[in-house]
Amino acid sequence: MPEAALAIDGGQTGIRAQVRTMDGAERAGLPIQEFRGILTDRPLAPQIADVVGRARAATRLDFATVSAGLSGLTDGEALAPALLAATTGFGVSTVHLVHDSVSSYLGALGNARGAVIAAGTGAVTLAVGATEVVRIDGWGYIMGDAGSGYWLGREAFVAVMRAFDGRGPATALTEVMLADFPDLAQAYVDLQRDPDRIRRTASYAADVARLADTDEVARGICDAAAAELALAVATGLRRVGEDQSDSPAVCFLGGVLRGERVRSQLTARLAAWWPHLEVREPLATSLDGAALLPGLDPDSALAHQVLTARR
């Protein structure tokens, strides 16, 4: 049997893994496996090694190569050898790691120039020019991720509590929050105690999007998110020199950008700067992008973003 490779798409909402051939193609009969999302406040190597071990147990295959796009990848140079060491007993000989913005980009636009913005629980933009690659935001829920699902959920909480105090306008978001927190004065304590508070907060983004057509506060939150995301894309394109293009290519990914209000407002803002903006549908998924890492063209601007460890 040919050697197997494991591709991993590791986000905060969930981790997906799939056995692939060494050239990144899918192997018949081997579905995508799903796992709990990455906890960015904990070491990554044990979390990803656990995914590799569980995928191995489920498929009864050893993986010569593991390639992963990971949220929260801040010390990849140390993580790649750490993950290689942690998977010693699994037959892994090579590890390729990138930030999940890179794997998302490869899945969405391949080697084309442009910008890919992913807005799910977090938010990050990757812009790629002829020789430069720039990441905008993706700095986590405490100091970044503007326009993300977490950001939208937190803004909803803020709006509800301002209305509760009398500092802000009434909003239909209050009824949504009351369904989960009957005592609003106690809500902040309950949320702080919840170990799953990041994903829980981000889950309210769907309610903000749903109410945008009928609730002025929710609509304002969506429009503010679109403004943040548009700024991230424009900044990325400028920094890699693609702002000079008449029709820069962009791609939108993530649950936030499946919401009509945020997506339409983001598109309108970008089109005001680039009337011939080319909004492309993604070619494939971020998991597919991770699977492409072993065969990435060394002349690609993205090749320098890949961190590799070999046995």
Protein backbone atom coordinates (compact mmCIF):
# COMPACT_ATOMS: atom_id res chain seq x y z
CA MET A 1 0.00 0.00 0.00
CA PRO A 2 1.38 3.50 -0.87
CA GLU A 3 2.55 5.67 1.98
CA ALA A 4 -0.19 7.69 3.62
CA ALA A 5 -0.19 11.37 4.58
CA LEU A 6 -2.42 13.07 7.13
CA ALA A 7 -3.77 16.55 6.44
CA ILE A 8 -5.07 18.60 9.37
CA ASP A 9 -7.11 21.78 9.46
CA GLY A 10 -6.91 23.01 13.02
CA GLY A 11 -9.22 25.85 14.03
CA GLN A 12 -10.62 27.07 17.32
CA THR A 13 -14.11 25.87 16.50
CA GLY A 14 -13.01 22.40 15.42
CA ILE A 15 -10.21 20.28 13.97
CA ARG A 16 -10.62 18.27 10.79
CA ALA A 17 -8.25 15.55 9.65
CA GLN A 18 -8.18 13.32 6.60
CA VAL A 19 -5.85 10.68 5.25
CA ARG A 20 -4.47 11.64 1.84
CA THR A 21 -1.99 10.28 -0.67
CA MET A 22 1.48 11.78 -0.60
CA ASP A 23 0.55 14.19 -3.42
CA GLY A 24 -2.45 15.50 -1.45
CA ALA A 25 -5.22 13.59 -3.24
CA GLU A 26 -8.06 12.03 -1.28
CA ARG A 27 -7.99 8.30 -0.62
CA ALA A 28 -11.21 6.44 -1.37
CA GLY A 29 -13.24 5.34 1.62
CA LEU A 30 -11.43 7.48 4.18
CA PRO A 31 -13.75 10.26 5.38
CA ILE A 32 -12.88 13.46 7.19
CA GLN A 33 -12.57 13.00 10.94
CA GLU A 34 -13.62 15.82 13.28
CA PHE A 35 -12.24 16.70 16.69
CA ARG A 36 -12.62 19.37 19.36
CA GLY A 37 -11.13 22.73 18.39
CA ILE A 38 -7.68 23.99 19.32
CA LEU A 39 -7.28 25.53 22.75
CA THR A 40 -4.90 28.40 22.03
CA ASP A 41 -4.03 28.89 25.69
CA ARG A 42 -2.51 25.39 25.85
CA PRO A 43 0.54 23.82 24.11
CA LEU A 44 -0.27 22.85 20.53
CA ALA A 45 2.02 19.85 20.05
CA PRO A 46 0.15 17.51 22.45
CA GLN A 47 -3.21 18.54 20.98
CA ILE A 48 -2.15 17.84 17.38
CA ALA A 49 -0.27 14.67 18.34
CA ASP A 50 -3.51 13.43 19.93
CA VAL A 51 -5.33 14.05 16.64
CA VAL A 52 -2.65 12.11 14.76
CA GLY A 53 -2.89 9.24 17.22
CA ARG A 54 -6.67 9.08 17.05
CA ALA A 55 -6.65 9.26 13.25
CA ARG A 56 -4.11 6.43 13.19
CA ALA A 57 -6.24 4.33 15.52
CA ALA A 58 -9.34 4.92 13.40
CA THR A 59 -7.67 4.08 10.08
CA ARG A 60 -5.00 1.61 11.23
CA LEU A 61 -2.51 3.43 9.03
CA ASP A 62 0.87 4.98 9.73
CA PHE A 63 1.42 8.44 8.28
CA ALA A 64 4.76 9.23 6.68
CA THR A 65 3.83 12.90 6.51
CA VAL A 66 1.66 15.18 8.62
CA SER A 67 0.79 18.56 7.13
CA ALA A 68 -1.28 21.01 9.13
CA GLY A 69 -2.68 24.51 9.05
CA LEU A 70 -3.16 25.63 12.64
CA SER A 71 -4.84 28.50 14.44
CA GLY A 72 -2.69 30.03 17.16
CA LEU A 73 0.58 29.05 15.48
CA THR A 74 2.99 31.57 17.00
CA ASP A 75 6.12 29.48 17.58
CA GLY A 76 6.14 27.15 14.61
CA GLU A 77 9.90 26.76 14.50
CA ALA A 78 9.70 25.06 17.89
CA LEU A 79 6.36 23.36 17.24
CA ALA A 80 7.41 21.44 14.12
CA PRO A 81 10.18 19.44 15.86
CA ALA A 82 8.03 19.12 18.99
CA LEU A 83 5.21 17.58 16.97
CA LEU A 84 7.65 15.31 15.17
CA ALA A 85 8.96 14.10 18.51
CA ALA A 86 5.45 13.63 19.89
CA THR A 87 4.49 11.39 16.95
CA THR A 88 7.58 9.17 17.10
CA GLY A 89 5.55 6.00 17.55
CA PHE A 90 3.16 6.76 14.68
CA GLY A 91 5.60 6.32 11.77
CA VAL A 92 5.74 10.05 11.02
CA SER A 93 8.95 11.09 9.29
CA THR A 94 8.07 14.61 8.12
CA VAL A 95 5.95 17.42 9.54
CA HIS A 96 4.87 20.52 7.58
CA LEU A 97 3.16 23.31 9.53
CA VAL A 98 1.67 26.67 8.59
CA HIS A 99 -0.63 29.19 10.18
CA ASP A 100 -4.18 28.37 9.15
CA SER A 101 -4.33 31.57 7.13
CA VAL A 102 -1.78 30.01 4.74
CA SER A 103 -3.64 26.71 4.35
CA SER A 104 -6.89 28.64 3.88
CA TYR A 105 -5.25 30.75 1.20
CA LEU A 106 -3.87 27.73 -0.66
CA GLY A 107 -7.24 26.05 -0.57
CA ALA A 108 -9.07 29.16 -1.72
CA LEU A 109 -6.82 30.82 -4.30
CA GLY A 110 -3.98 28.38 -4.86
CA ASN A 111 -0.87 30.23 -5.99
CA ALA A 112 -2.76 33.26 -7.35
CA ARG A 113 -2.02 36.72 -5.95
CA GLY A 114 -4.64 38.49 -3.89
CA ALA A 115 -6.14 38.28 -0.43
CA VAL A 116 -8.13 35.70 1.48
CA ILE A 117 -10.05 36.74 4.56
CA ALA A 118 -11.32 34.08 6.94
CA ALA A 119 -13.80 35.13 9.59
CA GLY A 120 -15.03 32.39 11.85
CA THR A 121 -14.50 32.30 15.61
CA GLY A 122 -11.39 34.38 14.88
CA ALA A 123 -10.52 36.55 11.90
CA VAL A 124 -7.37 36.71 9.80
CA THR A 125 -6.45 38.00 6.36
CA LEU A 126 -3.57 36.75 4.24
CA ALA A 127 -2.42 38.84 1.30
CA VAL A 128 0.02 37.48 -1.29
CA GLY A 129 1.93 39.49 -3.87
CA ALA A 130 4.67 38.62 -6.32
CA THR A 131 7.24 38.11 -3.55
CA GLU A 132 5.62 39.29 -0.32
CA VAL A 133 3.18 37.61 2.05
CA VAL A 134 1.49 39.60 4.80
CA ARG A 135 -0.83 38.47 7.55
CA ILE A 136 -3.30 40.98 8.96
CA ASP A 137 -4.88 40.36 12.36
CA GLY A 138 -5.51 36.88 13.65
CA TRP A 139 -4.17 38.13 16.97
CA GLY A 140 -6.69 36.32 19.12
CA TYR A 141 -9.80 37.36 20.98
CA ILE A 142 -8.03 39.52 23.58
CA MET A 143 -6.17 41.88 21.27
CA GLY A 144 -7.44 41.21 17.76
CA ASP A 145 -9.77 39.16 15.54
CA ALA A 146 -11.75 42.28 14.64
CA GLY A 147 -14.95 41.43 12.81
CA SER A 148 -14.81 37.77 13.83
CA GLY A 149 -17.58 35.63 15.28
CA TYR A 150 -16.20 36.19 18.76
CA TRP A 151 -16.04 39.94 18.10
CA LEU A 152 -19.67 39.97 16.93
CA GLY A 153 -20.80 37.95 19.92
CA ARG A 154 -18.95 40.17 22.35
CA GLU A 155 -20.38 43.29 20.73
CA ALA A 156 -23.83 41.77 21.14
CA PHE A 157 -23.18 41.21 24.85
CA VAL A 158 -21.93 44.79 25.21
CA ALA A 159 -25.02 46.17 23.46
CA VAL A 160 -27.35 44.12 25.64
CA MET A 161 -25.68 45.22 28.85
CA ARG A 162 -25.67 48.86 27.76
CA ALA A 163 -29.41 48.58 27.12
CA PHE A 164 -29.81 46.87 30.50
CA ASP A 165 -28.07 49.80 32.20
CA GLY A 166 -29.97 52.41 30.20
CA ARG A 167 -26.78 53.55 28.46
CA GLY A 168 -27.81 52.26 25.05
CA PRO A 169 -30.87 51.64 22.85
CA ALA A 170 -33.17 48.68 23.30
CA THR A 171 -32.33 45.69 21.12
CA ALA A 172 -33.88 42.35 20.23
CA LEU A 173 -30.54 40.81 21.19
CA THR A 174 -31.66 41.14 24.80
CA GLU A 175 -34.28 38.41 24.35
CA VAL A 176 -31.63 36.16 22.79
CA MET A 177 -29.31 36.66 25.73
CA LEU A 178 -32.08 36.23 28.31
CA ALA A 179 -32.80 32.76 26.94
CA ASP A 180 -29.33 31.69 28.09
CA PHE A 181 -28.79 34.10 30.97
CA PRO A 182 -32.10 34.75 32.76
CA ASP A 183 -30.31 36.98 35.28
CA LEU A 184 -28.46 39.52 33.16
CA ALA A 185 -26.74 41.00 36.20
CA GLN A 186 -25.11 37.58 36.76
CA ALA A 187 -24.35 36.86 33.10
CA TYR A 188 -20.77 38.14 33.07
CA VAL A 189 -19.84 35.91 36.01
CA ASP A 190 -21.42 32.83 34.41
CA LEU A 191 -19.63 33.50 31.14
CA GLN A 192 -16.25 34.07 32.74
CA ARG A 193 -16.54 30.75 34.56
CA ASP A 194 -17.32 28.83 31.37
CA PRO A 195 -14.17 27.11 30.01
CA ASP A 196 -15.82 27.14 26.57
CA ARG A 197 -16.54 30.88 26.74
CA ILE A 198 -14.71 31.77 23.50
CA ARG A 199 -16.76 29.45 21.31
CA ARG A 200 -19.88 30.21 23.34
CA THR A 201 -19.46 33.94 22.76
CA ALA A 202 -18.81 33.40 19.03
CA SER A 203 -22.01 31.37 18.72
CA TYR A 204 -24.04 34.57 19.18
CA ALA A 205 -22.73 35.89 15.86
CA ALA A 206 -25.46 33.90 14.14
CA ASP A 207 -28.13 35.74 16.14
CA VAL A 208 -26.59 39.11 15.28
CA ALA A 209 -26.66 38.21 11.58
CA ARG A 210 -30.23 36.87 11.81
CA LEU A 211 -31.55 40.05 13.42
CA ALA A 212 -29.67 42.51 11.19
CA ASP A 213 -32.68 43.08 8.92
CA THR A 214 -35.03 44.05 11.76
CA ASP A 215 -32.89 45.32 14.63
CA GLU A 216 -30.88 48.53 14.30
CA VAL A 217 -28.36 47.54 16.95
CA ALA A 218 -27.64 44.16 15.32
CA ARG A 219 -27.37 45.85 11.93
CA GLY A 220 -24.89 48.35 13.31
CA ILE A 221 -22.76 45.55 14.75
CA CYS A 222 -22.72 43.76 11.38
CA ASP A 223 -21.75 46.96 9.56
CA ALA A 224 -18.95 47.65 12.03
CA ALA A 225 -17.66 44.11 11.49
CA ALA A 226 -17.70 44.65 7.72
CA ALA A 227 -15.72 47.87 8.14
CA GLU A 228 -13.07 46.06 10.19
CA LEU A 229 -12.80 43.22 7.70
CA ALA A 230 -12.62 45.61 4.73
CA LEU A 231 -9.80 47.51 6.42
CA ALA A 232 -7.89 44.26 6.95
CA VAL A 233 -8.21 43.25 3.28
CA ALA A 234 -7.28 46.71 1.97
CA THR A 235 -4.29 46.91 4.28
CA GLY A 236 -3.05 43.49 3.21
CA LEU A 237 -3.38 44.29 -0.49
CA ARG A 238 -1.54 47.58 0.00
CA ARG A 239 1.33 46.01 1.90
CA VAL A 240 2.04 43.40 -0.79
CA GLY A 241 1.59 45.84 -3.69
CA GLU A 242 -1.64 44.36 -5.01
CA ASP A 243 -3.56 47.56 -4.30
CA GLN A 244 -2.21 48.82 -7.63
CA SER A 245 -4.13 46.13 -9.49
CA ASP A 246 -7.33 47.24 -11.22
CA SER A 247 -9.04 44.01 -10.20
CA PRO A 248 -7.40 42.38 -7.19
CA ALA A 249 -8.62 38.88 -6.39
CA VAL A 250 -10.20 38.30 -2.99
CA CYS A 251 -11.92 35.35 -1.41
CA PHE A 252 -14.19 35.26 1.64
CA LEU A 253 -14.18 32.30 4.04
CA GLY A 254 -15.82 31.44 7.34
CA GLY A 255 -19.23 31.48 8.93
CA VAL A 256 -19.32 35.23 9.52
CA LEU A 257 -18.99 35.86 5.79
CA ARG A 258 -21.87 33.57 5.00
CA GLY A 259 -24.09 36.15 6.68
CA GLU A 260 -25.73 38.35 4.05
CA ARG A 261 -25.34 41.70 5.81
CA VAL A 262 -21.64 41.41 6.65
CA ARG A 263 -20.73 39.94 3.27
CA SER A 264 -22.65 42.53 1.25
CA GLN A 265 -21.28 45.44 3.25
CA LEU A 266 -17.73 44.09 2.99
CA THR A 267 -18.08 43.67 -0.77
CA ALA A 268 -19.52 47.17 -1.14
CA ARG A 269 -16.69 48.76 0.82
CA LEU A 270 -14.00 46.98 -1.18
CA ALA A 271 -15.75 47.72 -4.48
CA ALA A 272 -15.74 51.42 -3.61
CA TRP A 273 -11.94 51.25 -3.66
CA TRP A 274 -11.63 48.77 -6.53
CA PRO A 275 -14.69 48.95 -8.84
CA HIS A 276 -13.45 45.91 -10.76
CA LEU A 277 -12.74 43.86 -7.67
CA GLU A 278 -12.76 40.13 -8.40
CA VAL A 279 -14.53 38.21 -5.63
CA ARG A 280 -13.72 34.56 -6.26
CA GLU A 281 -15.36 31.47 -4.89
CA PRO A 282 -12.86 29.22 -3.09
CA LEU A 283 -11.25 26.54 -5.24
CA ALA A 284 -11.19 24.11 -2.33
CA THR A 285 -11.09 24.00 1.46
CA SER A 286 -8.44 24.84 4.03
CA LEU A 287 -8.05 21.10 4.62
CA ASP A 288 -7.21 20.73 0.94
CA GLY A 289 -4.75 23.60 1.35
CA ALA A 290 -3.01 21.78 4.21
CA ALA A 291 -2.76 18.66 2.06
CA LEU A 292 -0.90 20.67 -0.61
CA LEU A 293 1.94 21.71 1.71
CA PRO A 294 4.32 18.82 0.95
CA GLY A 295 4.21 19.57 -2.79
CA LEU A 296 4.19 23.37 -2.64
CA ASP A 297 6.28 25.00 -5.39
CA PRO A 298 9.51 26.22 -3.73
CA ASP A 299 9.34 29.37 -5.89
CA SER A 300 5.95 30.30 -4.46
CA ALA A 301 5.88 33.28 -2.12
CA LEU A 302 3.95 31.03 0.26
CA ALA A 303 6.71 28.41 0.40
CA HIS A 304 8.63 30.55 2.90
CA GLN A 305 5.70 30.31 5.31
CA VAL A 306 6.01 26.52 5.69
CA LEU A 307 7.86 25.18 8.73
CA THR A 308 9.23 21.68 8.24
CA ALA A 309 10.82 19.10 10.52
CA ARG A 310 12.22 15.78 9.28
CA ARG A 311 13.42 12.69 11.02
